[in-house]
């Protein structure tokens, strides 16, 4: 029970002093959910788009 209380207290201490408005909450969530540019580049390098995406006709040019 004490470990759970301590974990909850740490969570509270990390979240609530910084959360005053909905914009604060959005910023906090983005901090936790976002990954760095370096991580994005590594993912892009490891998982290239399929060739079929490049082979599709360019429909935007027709509009």
N, C-alpha and C. Protein backbone atom coordinates (compact mmCIF):
# COMPACT_ATOMS: atom_id res chain seq x y z
N UNK A 1 0.83 -1.19 0.00
CA UNK A 1 0.00 0.00 0.00
C UNK A 1 0.88 1.26 0.00
N UNK A 2 1.96 1.23 0.76
CA UNK A 2 2.83 2.39 0.85
C UNK A 2 3.48 2.69 -0.50
N UNK A 3 3.91 1.63 -1.23
CA UNK A 3 4.52 1.84 -2.55
C UNK A 3 3.54 2.49 -3.51
N UNK A 4 2.29 2.05 -3.45
CA UNK A 4 1.26 2.62 -4.31
C UNK A 4 1.04 4.09 -3.97
N UNK A 5 0.99 4.40 -2.70
CA UNK A 5 0.81 5.79 -2.28
C UNK A 5 1.99 6.64 -2.72
N UNK A 6 3.19 6.12 -2.57
CA UNK A 6 4.39 6.86 -2.98
C UNK A 6 4.40 7.10 -4.49
N UNK A 7 4.02 6.08 -5.25
CA UNK A 7 3.97 6.22 -6.71
C UNK A 7 2.92 7.26 -7.10
N UNK A 8 1.79 7.22 -6.46
CA UNK A 8 0.74 8.19 -6.73
C UNK A 8 1.19 9.60 -6.36
N UNK A 9 1.90 9.73 -5.26
CA UNK A 9 2.40 11.03 -4.84
C UNK A 9 3.41 11.58 -5.85
N UNK A 10 4.29 10.72 -6.35
CA UNK A 10 5.26 11.16 -7.37
C UNK A 10 4.54 11.63 -8.63
N UNK A 11 3.52 10.88 -9.03
CA UNK A 11 2.74 11.25 -10.20
C UNK A 11 2.05 12.61 -9.96
N UNK A 12 1.45 12.76 -8.82
CA UNK A 12 0.78 14.02 -8.47
C UNK A 12 1.78 15.18 -8.49
N UNK A 13 2.94 14.98 -7.86
CA UNK A 13 3.95 16.03 -7.79
C UNK A 13 4.48 16.43 -9.16
N UNK A 14 4.53 15.48 -10.08
CA UNK A 14 5.03 15.76 -11.43
C UNK A 14 3.98 16.44 -12.30
N UNK A 15 2.72 16.19 -12.04
CA UNK A 15 1.66 16.66 -12.92
C UNK A 15 0.98 17.93 -12.44
N UNK A 16 0.47 17.94 -11.24
CA UNK A 16 -0.44 19.00 -10.83
C UNK A 16 0.20 20.37 -10.60
N UNK A 17 1.43 20.49 -10.17
CA UNK A 17 1.99 21.85 -10.06
C UNK A 17 2.10 22.55 -11.42
N UNK A 18 2.23 21.81 -12.50
CA UNK A 18 2.38 22.39 -13.83
C UNK A 18 1.06 22.51 -14.58
N UNK A 19 0.00 21.90 -14.09
CA UNK A 19 -1.27 21.86 -14.79
C UNK A 19 -2.23 22.87 -14.18
N UNK A 20 -2.35 24.01 -14.85
CA UNK A 20 -3.27 25.04 -14.38
C UNK A 20 -4.39 25.30 -15.39
N UNK A 21 -4.09 25.09 -16.67
CA UNK A 21 -5.08 25.34 -17.73
C UNK A 21 -5.11 24.14 -18.68
N UNK A 22 -6.08 24.17 -19.58
CA UNK A 22 -6.17 23.11 -20.58
C UNK A 22 -4.94 23.13 -21.49
N UNK A 23 -4.41 24.33 -21.74
CA UNK A 23 -3.19 24.42 -22.56
C UNK A 23 -2.00 23.76 -21.85
N UNK A 24 -1.94 23.93 -20.52
CA UNK A 24 -0.88 23.26 -19.75
C UNK A 24 -1.00 21.74 -19.88
N UNK A 25 -2.23 21.25 -19.78
CA UNK A 25 -2.46 19.80 -19.89
C UNK A 25 -2.05 19.31 -21.27
N UNK A 26 -2.40 20.05 -22.31
CA UNK A 26 -2.02 19.66 -23.67
C UNK A 26 -0.50 19.60 -23.80
N UNK A 27 0.19 20.59 -23.27
CA UNK A 27 1.65 20.60 -23.35
C UNK A 27 2.25 19.42 -22.60
N UNK A 28 1.70 19.09 -21.44
CA UNK A 28 2.20 17.95 -20.67
C UNK A 28 2.01 16.65 -21.44
N UNK A 29 0.86 16.49 -22.05
CA UNK A 29 0.59 15.27 -22.81
C UNK A 29 1.50 15.17 -24.04
N UNK A 30 1.73 16.30 -24.70
CA UNK A 30 2.63 16.28 -25.86
C UNK A 30 4.05 15.93 -25.46
N UNK A 31 4.49 16.40 -24.30
CA UNK A 31 5.83 16.05 -23.82
C UNK A 31 5.98 14.55 -23.67
N UNK A 32 4.96 13.93 -23.15
CA UNK A 32 5.04 12.49 -22.89
C UNK A 32 4.83 11.65 -24.13
N UNK A 33 4.07 12.18 -25.10
CA UNK A 33 3.71 11.37 -26.27
C UNK A 33 4.63 11.62 -27.46
N UNK A 34 5.36 12.71 -27.45
CA UNK A 34 6.21 13.06 -28.60
C UNK A 34 7.54 12.33 -28.54
N UNK A 35 8.07 12.06 -29.74
CA UNK A 35 9.41 11.49 -29.81
C UNK A 35 10.31 12.51 -30.50
N UNK A 36 11.58 12.38 -30.28
CA UNK A 36 12.55 13.34 -30.81
C UNK A 36 12.71 13.20 -32.32
N UNK A 37 13.28 14.25 -32.93
CA UNK A 37 13.57 14.20 -34.37
C UNK A 37 14.55 13.09 -34.69
N UNK A 38 15.51 12.87 -33.81
CA UNK A 38 16.48 11.79 -34.02
C UNK A 38 15.78 10.43 -34.07
N UNK A 39 14.82 10.23 -33.18
CA UNK A 39 14.07 8.97 -33.17
C UNK A 39 13.23 8.84 -34.44
N UNK A 40 12.62 9.95 -34.87
CA UNK A 40 11.83 9.92 -36.11
C UNK A 40 12.70 9.57 -37.31
N UNK A 41 13.89 10.18 -37.39
CA UNK A 41 14.80 9.89 -38.49
C UNK A 41 15.24 8.44 -38.48
N UNK A 42 15.50 7.89 -37.30
CA UNK A 42 15.90 6.49 -37.20
C UNK A 42 14.77 5.57 -37.65
N UNK A 43 13.54 5.90 -37.27
CA UNK A 43 12.39 5.10 -37.71
C UNK A 43 12.22 5.17 -39.22
N UNK A 44 12.35 6.38 -39.78
CA UNK A 44 12.21 6.54 -41.23
C UNK A 44 13.28 5.77 -41.97
N UNK A 45 14.49 5.77 -41.45
CA UNK A 45 15.58 5.05 -42.11
C UNK A 45 15.36 3.54 -42.04
N UNK A 46 14.80 3.08 -40.94
CA UNK A 46 14.60 1.64 -40.75
C UNK A 46 13.35 1.11 -41.46
N UNK A 47 12.40 2.00 -41.71
CA UNK A 47 11.11 1.56 -42.27
C UNK A 47 10.73 2.48 -43.43
N UNK A 48 11.36 2.30 -44.54
CA UNK A 48 11.07 3.12 -45.72
C UNK A 48 9.67 2.82 -46.23
N UNK A 49 9.03 3.82 -46.86
CA UNK A 49 7.70 3.57 -47.43
C UNK A 49 7.78 2.54 -48.54
N UNK A 50 6.71 1.81 -48.78
CA UNK A 50 6.72 0.81 -49.85
C UNK A 50 6.84 1.48 -51.22
N UNK A 51 7.45 0.80 -52.15
CA UNK A 51 7.65 1.32 -53.50
C UNK A 51 6.33 1.69 -54.15
N UNK A 52 5.28 0.97 -53.81
CA UNK A 52 3.96 1.24 -54.40
C UNK A 52 3.51 2.68 -54.14
N UNK A 53 3.92 3.26 -53.05
CA UNK A 53 3.55 4.65 -52.76
C UNK A 53 4.17 5.59 -53.78
N UNK A 54 5.38 5.26 -54.21
CA UNK A 54 6.04 6.10 -55.20
C UNK A 54 5.48 5.85 -56.60
N UNK A 55 4.94 4.67 -56.83
CA UNK A 55 4.42 4.29 -58.13
C UNK A 55 3.02 4.82 -58.40
N UNK A 56 2.32 5.32 -57.39
CA UNK A 56 0.96 5.82 -57.56
C UNK A 56 0.99 7.07 -58.43
N UNK A 57 -0.07 7.25 -59.23
CA UNK A 57 -0.13 8.46 -60.06
C UNK A 57 -0.28 9.71 -59.19
N UNK A 58 0.27 10.80 -59.64
CA UNK A 58 0.22 12.06 -58.90
C UNK A 58 -1.11 12.75 -59.17
N UNK A 59 -2.11 12.53 -58.35
CA UNK A 59 -3.44 13.12 -58.56
C UNK A 59 -3.48 14.59 -58.17
N UNK A 60 -2.59 15.04 -57.31
CA UNK A 60 -2.59 16.44 -56.88
C UNK A 60 -2.21 17.35 -58.05
N UNK A 61 -1.39 16.89 -58.96
CA UNK A 61 -0.95 17.70 -60.08
C UNK A 61 -2.09 17.98 -61.05
N UNK A 62 -3.12 17.14 -61.08
CA UNK A 62 -4.23 17.30 -62.00
C UNK A 62 -5.23 18.33 -61.52
N UNK A 63 -5.22 18.62 -60.25
CA UNK A 63 -6.23 19.55 -59.71
C UNK A 63 -5.88 20.97 -59.90
